[in-house]
Amino acid sequence: MTKRPVVNDSITDALHCTTCLLPMQYQTKKDGKFLWQCFKCGKKFAVHENNTDVIEESWSPPR
């Protein structure tokens, strides 16, 4: 698990991919985590519901 700071962007309320810097798309909520994915490179973030300072990072095939 990698601890990453959440982007504090009051204008867009969006997460940005740390690889290609594009806005990430919200996917679903699973096991108390909000899942976000970058459709260009396939990077995924799982943001914990109770502690938004903890973000799990993983990869999947781009769509």
Protein backbone atom coordinates (compact mmCIF):
# COMPACT_ATOMS: atom_id res chain seq x y z
CA MET A 1 0.00 0.00 0.00
CA THR A 2 1.32 3.41 -0.97
CA LYS A 3 0.32 6.49 0.98
CA ARG A 4 -0.35 9.41 -1.35
CA PRO A 5 -1.77 12.84 -0.53
CA VAL A 6 -5.20 13.56 -1.97
CA VAL A 7 -5.27 16.42 -4.45
CA ASN A 8 -6.90 19.41 -2.81
CA ASP A 9 -8.41 20.97 -5.91
CA SER A 10 -11.42 23.03 -4.90
CA ILE A 11 -12.26 23.89 -8.52
CA THR A 12 -12.77 20.41 -10.00
CA ASP A 13 -12.97 17.93 -7.08
CA ALA A 14 -11.12 15.36 -9.21
CA LEU A 15 -8.15 13.06 -8.87
CA HIS A 16 -5.44 13.34 -11.50
CA CYS A 17 -3.32 10.44 -12.70
CA THR A 18 0.26 10.64 -11.44
CA THR A 19 1.55 9.12 -14.70
CA CYS A 20 -0.22 11.02 -17.49
CA LEU A 21 -1.72 13.87 -15.41
CA LEU A 22 -5.22 13.42 -16.89
CA PRO A 23 -8.33 13.46 -14.69
CA MET A 24 -9.25 10.01 -13.42
CA GLN A 25 -12.75 8.57 -13.84
CA TYR A 26 -14.78 7.41 -10.83
CA GLN A 27 -15.75 3.74 -11.23
CA THR A 28 -17.53 2.32 -8.20
CA LYS A 29 -17.45 1.84 -4.45
CA LYS A 30 -16.26 -1.59 -3.29
CA ASP A 31 -15.32 -2.84 0.20
CA GLY A 32 -15.43 0.68 1.68
CA LYS A 33 -13.14 2.10 -1.02
CA PHE A 34 -13.90 4.49 -3.88
CA LEU A 35 -12.27 3.17 -7.07
CA TRP A 36 -10.89 5.62 -9.65
CA GLN A 37 -9.17 4.71 -12.95
CA CYS A 38 -7.20 6.49 -15.66
CA PHE A 39 -8.48 5.28 -19.02
CA LYS A 40 -5.30 6.28 -20.86
CA CYS A 41 -2.67 4.33 -18.87
CA GLY A 42 -4.82 2.04 -16.70
CA LYS A 43 -3.62 3.25 -13.28
CA LYS A 44 -6.17 2.69 -10.49
CA PHE A 45 -6.58 4.43 -7.15
CA ALA A 46 -8.64 3.04 -4.27
CA VAL A 47 -9.49 5.83 -1.82
CA HIS A 48 -10.57 4.60 1.61
CA GLU A 49 -13.99 5.82 2.69
CA ASN A 50 -13.08 6.49 6.34
CA ASN A 51 -9.54 7.81 5.80
CA THR A 52 -9.14 9.78 2.57
CA ASP A 53 -5.41 10.22 3.25
CA VAL A 54 -4.84 6.53 2.38
CA ILE A 55 -4.85 5.71 -1.34
CA GLU A 56 -3.96 2.31 -2.75
CA GLU A 57 -2.41 2.38 -6.21
CA SER A 58 -2.59 -0.45 -8.74
CA TRP A 59 -2.56 -1.06 -12.50
CA SER A 60 -5.00 -2.59 -14.94
CA PRO A 61 -5.14 -2.66 -18.75
CA PRO A 62 -6.19 0.68 -20.28
CA ARG A 63 -9.59 0.78 -21.94
